Amino acid sequence: MSFSKVRYVDIAPLVGLDPRVEGDDIPTFKMSYARLPNAIFSKIINDLQELEAQYGRVKKHTNEETRSRYLAGVSSLSYFSCDRIHY
């Protein structure tokens, strides 16, 4: 099977999710500490908000390719340059 042809509707039932609710039943979890400097976290959140304004909510991106393109904007190495990190 090619992973490029796998759809959420095919995988969701395998992990106990209902594909009809489009991910709204994915459980959340408490995270007490992420070891991410506040400056980097803030930059990532800002970038995601800009992407959402431009491309719509990630929930509307219905396949792996479009979601990965949407999230590619937050994988920049510039987040980890020394001049941006303020602990």
C-alpha atoms as a PDB file:
ATOM      1  CA  MET A   1       0.000   0.000   0.000  1.00  0.00           C
ATOM      2  CA  SER A   2       1.249   3.439  -0.881  1.00  0.00           C
ATOM      3  CA  PHE A   3       1.119   5.894   2.006  1.00  0.00           C
ATOM      4  CA  SER A   4       0.310   8.696  -0.424  1.00  0.00           C
ATOM      5  CA  LYS A   5      -3.077   7.070  -1.026  1.00  0.00           C
ATOM      6  CA  VAL A   6      -3.945   6.472   2.637  1.00  0.00           C
ATOM      7  CA  ARG A   7      -6.772   8.672   3.866  1.00  0.00           C
ATOM      8  CA  TYR A   8      -7.774   9.709   7.362  1.00  0.00           C
ATOM      9  CA  VAL A   9     -11.044   7.816   6.963  1.00  0.00           C
ATOM     10  CA  ASP A  10      -8.999   4.607   6.464  1.00  0.00           C
ATOM     11  CA  ILE A  11      -6.695   5.074   9.450  1.00  0.00           C
ATOM     12  CA  ALA A  12      -8.981   6.657  12.071  1.00  0.00           C
ATOM     13  CA  PRO A  13     -10.903   3.463  12.943  1.00  0.00           C
ATOM     14  CA  LEU A  14      -7.624   1.595  13.428  1.00  0.00           C
ATOM     15  CA  VAL A  15      -6.734   3.908  16.319  1.00  0.00           C
ATOM     16  CA  GLY A  16     -10.213   4.190  17.813  1.00  0.00           C
ATOM     17  CA  LEU A  17     -11.311   7.431  16.156  1.00  0.00           C
ATOM     18  CA  ASP A  18     -14.501   8.231  14.273  1.00  0.00           C
ATOM     19  CA  PRO A  19     -13.626   9.586  10.809  1.00  0.00           C
ATOM     20  CA  ARG A  20     -16.978  11.393  10.576  1.00  0.00           C
ATOM     21  CA  VAL A  21     -15.967  13.924  13.253  1.00  0.00           C
ATOM     22  CA  GLU A  22     -12.742  14.859  11.404  1.00  0.00           C
ATOM     23  CA  GLY A  23     -10.375  14.633  14.356  1.00  0.00           C
ATOM     24  CA  ASP A  24     -12.562  16.318  16.944  1.00  0.00           C
ATOM     25  CA  ASP A  25     -12.475  13.106  18.985  1.00  0.00           C
ATOM     26  CA  ILE A  26      -8.679  13.026  19.281  1.00  0.00           C
ATOM     27  CA  PRO A  27      -8.037  13.143  23.027  1.00  0.00           C
ATOM     28  CA  THR A  28      -5.947  15.902  24.518  1.00  0.00           C
ATOM     29  CA  PHE A  29      -3.354  15.427  27.216  1.00  0.00           C
ATOM     30  CA  LYS A  30      -1.830  17.600  29.868  1.00  0.00           C
ATOM     31  CA  MET A  31       1.721  18.712  29.206  1.00  0.00           C
ATOM     32  CA  SER A  32       3.418  20.304  32.138  1.00  0.00           C
ATOM     33  CA  TYR A  33       6.728  21.245  30.549  1.00  0.00           C
ATOM     34  CA  ALA A  34       7.777  21.276  26.916  1.00  0.00           C
ATOM     35  CA  ARG A  35      11.402  22.508  27.244  1.00  0.00           C
ATOM     36  CA  LEU A  36      10.821  25.099  24.581  1.00  0.00           C
ATOM     37  CA  PRO A  37      11.966  28.672  25.183  1.00  0.00           C
ATOM     38  CA  ASN A  38       9.106  31.168  25.294  1.00  0.00           C
ATOM     39  CA  ALA A  39      10.534  33.186  22.395  1.00  0.00           C
ATOM     40  CA  ILE A  40      10.501  30.159  20.094  1.00  0.00           C
ATOM     41  CA  PHE A  41       7.044  29.080  21.265  1.00  0.00           C
ATOM     42  CA  SER A  42       5.648  32.569  20.623  1.00  0.00           C
ATOM     43  CA  LYS A  43       7.194  32.662  17.136  1.00  0.00           C
ATOM     44  CA  ILE A  44       5.689  29.280  16.257  1.00  0.00           C
ATOM     45  CA  ILE A  45       2.243  30.350  17.471  1.00  0.00           C
ATOM     46  CA  ASN A  46       2.460  33.593  15.483  1.00  0.00           C
ATOM     47  CA  ASP A  47       3.489  31.691  12.362  1.00  0.00           C
ATOM     48  CA  LEU A  48       0.607  29.244  12.771  1.00  0.00           C
ATOM     49  CA  GLN A  49      -1.841  32.116  13.143  1.00  0.00           C
ATOM     50  CA  GLU A  50      -0.504  33.687   9.950  1.00  0.00           C
ATOM     51  CA  LEU A  51      -0.775  30.370   8.102  1.00  0.00           C
ATOM     52  CA  GLU A  52      -4.324  29.920   9.359  1.00  0.00           C
ATOM     53  CA  ALA A  53      -5.296  33.395   8.186  1.00  0.00           C
ATOM     54  CA  GLN A  54      -3.837  32.701   4.756  1.00  0.00           C
ATOM     55  CA  TYR A  55      -4.839  29.057   4.186  1.00  0.00           C
ATOM     56  CA  GLY A  56      -7.739  28.452   6.580  1.00  0.00           C
ATOM     57  CA  ARG A  57      -7.826  26.114   9.558  1.00  0.00           C
ATOM     58  CA  VAL A  58      -5.687  22.980   9.430  1.00  0.00           C
ATOM     59  CA  LYS A  59      -8.880  20.950   9.830  1.00  0.00           C
ATOM     60  CA  LYS A  60      -9.856  21.960   6.289  1.00  0.00           C
ATOM     61  CA  HIS A  61      -6.717  20.378   4.836  1.00  0.00           C
ATOM     62  CA  THR A  62      -7.985  16.899   4.223  1.00  0.00           C
ATOM     63  CA  ASN A  63      -4.919  14.911   3.235  1.00  0.00           C
ATOM     64  CA  GLU A  64      -1.336  14.379   4.305  1.00  0.00           C
ATOM     65  CA  GLU A  65       0.121  16.502   1.526  1.00  0.00           C
ATOM     66  CA  THR A  66      -1.904  19.615   2.239  1.00  0.00           C
ATOM     67  CA  ARG A  67      -1.467  19.317   6.006  1.00  0.00           C
ATOM     68  CA  SER A  68       2.288  18.882   5.680  1.00  0.00           C
ATOM     69  CA  ARG A  69       2.492  21.937   3.430  1.00  0.00           C
ATOM     70  CA  TYR A  70       0.441  23.884   5.953  1.00  0.00           C
ATOM     71  CA  LEU A  71       2.707  22.888   8.836  1.00  0.00           C
ATOM     72  CA  ALA A  72       5.957  23.270   6.882  1.00  0.00           C
ATOM     73  CA  GLY A  73       6.005  26.931   7.838  1.00  0.00           C
ATOM     74  CA  VAL A  74       6.770  26.077  11.448  1.00  0.00           C
ATOM     75  CA  SER A  75       9.744  23.843  10.744  1.00  0.00           C
ATOM     76  CA  SER A  76      12.157  26.660  10.069  1.00  0.00           C
ATOM     77  CA  LEU A  77      15.660  26.290  11.484  1.00  0.00           C
ATOM     78  CA  SER A  78      15.640  30.020  12.150  1.00  0.00           C
ATOM     79  CA  TYR A  79      13.731  29.309  15.366  1.00  0.00           C
ATOM     80  CA  PHE A  80      16.839  27.736  16.776  1.00  0.00           C
ATOM     81  CA  SER A  81      19.422  30.368  15.964  1.00  0.00           C
ATOM     82  CA  CYS A  82      21.207  31.633  19.054  1.00  0.00           C
ATOM     83  CA  ASP A  83      20.124  35.256  18.662  1.00  0.00           C
ATOM     84  CA  ARG A  84      16.441  34.315  18.919  1.00  0.00           C
ATOM     85  CA  ILE A  85      16.621  32.254  22.108  1.00  0.00           C
ATOM     86  CA  HIS A  86      15.824  34.207  25.267  1.00  0.00           C
ATOM     87  CA  TYR A  87      15.352  32.031  28.325  1.00  0.00           C
END
